Amino acid sequence: MTRGNQREKARAKNQKAESAVKSKNTMTGSEFQRHKESSAAIMREKQKLADERRQAEAAKKK
């Protein structure tokens, strides 16, 4: 039954690794919300710049 034992050890090792990855979030709710809002603002700004660039390229083609 060494194979069964190996499977159990591998499962335990994988669960330990997954729990270490999942526990990295140490932000509180309000910190997480501020981070989300700042990320959204950055993405809105990038989208605005991309739209302006597309409009400028479309104007050049006409």
Protein backbone atom coordinates (compact mmCIF):
# COMPACT_ATOMS: atom_id res chain seq x y z
CA MET A 1 0.00 0.00 0.00
CA THR A 2 2.86 2.39 -0.50
CA ARG A 3 1.06 3.99 -3.41
CA GLY A 4 -1.91 4.89 -1.24
CA ASN A 5 0.40 6.40 1.31
CA GLN A 6 2.17 8.39 -1.40
CA ARG A 7 -1.17 9.73 -2.63
CA GLU A 8 -2.13 10.84 0.85
CA LYS A 9 1.21 12.57 1.35
CA ALA A 10 0.91 14.29 -2.03
CA ARG A 11 -2.62 15.46 -1.19
CA ALA A 12 -1.49 16.84 2.15
CA LYS A 13 1.43 18.63 0.50
CA ASN A 14 -0.85 20.15 -2.17
CA GLN A 15 -3.39 21.30 0.41
CA LYS A 16 -0.64 22.94 2.43
CA ALA A 17 0.64 24.73 -0.69
CA GLU A 18 -2.88 25.89 -1.64
CA SER A 19 -3.58 27.22 1.83
CA ALA A 20 -0.35 29.23 1.76
CA VAL A 21 -1.38 30.79 -1.56
CA LYS A 22 -4.91 31.59 -0.41
CA SER A 23 -3.88 33.28 2.82
CA LYS A 24 -1.85 36.06 1.20
CA ASN A 25 -4.73 38.56 1.27
CA THR A 26 -4.23 40.59 4.42
CA MET A 27 -6.26 43.67 3.43
CA THR A 28 -9.26 44.73 5.44
CA GLY A 29 -12.56 45.33 3.71
CA SER A 30 -12.10 49.09 3.44
CA GLU A 31 -8.52 48.73 2.17
CA PHE A 32 -9.69 46.24 -0.43
CA GLN A 33 -12.48 48.59 -1.51
CA ARG A 34 -10.05 51.53 -1.87
CA HIS A 35 -7.71 49.33 -3.91
CA LYS A 36 -10.56 48.26 -6.19
CA GLU A 37 -11.65 51.87 -6.69
CA SER A 38 -8.14 53.07 -7.49
CA SER A 39 -7.63 50.20 -9.93
CA ALA A 40 -10.93 51.02 -11.60
CA ALA A 41 -9.95 54.68 -11.93
CA ILE A 42 -6.64 53.72 -13.53
CA MET A 43 -8.40 51.41 -15.98
CA ARG A 44 -10.96 54.11 -16.85
CA GLU A 45 -8.12 56.52 -17.59
CA LYS A 46 -6.38 53.97 -19.81
CA GLN A 47 -9.64 53.30 -21.65
CA LYS A 48 -10.20 57.04 -22.15
CA LEU A 49 -6.72 57.44 -23.63
CA ALA A 50 -7.21 54.44 -25.91
CA ASP A 51 -10.54 55.84 -27.15
CA GLU A 52 -8.95 59.21 -27.85
CA ARG A 53 -6.13 57.53 -29.75
CA ARG A 54 -8.61 55.52 -31.83
CA GLN A 55 -10.57 58.68 -32.66
CA ALA A 56 -7.38 60.45 -33.69
CA GLU A 57 -6.41 57.55 -35.97
CA ALA A 58 -9.90 57.48 -37.47
CA ALA A 59 -9.68 61.23 -38.14
CA LYS A 60 -6.33 60.75 -39.92
CA LYS A 61 -7.79 58.12 -42.24
CA LYS A 62 -10.60 60.41 -43.42
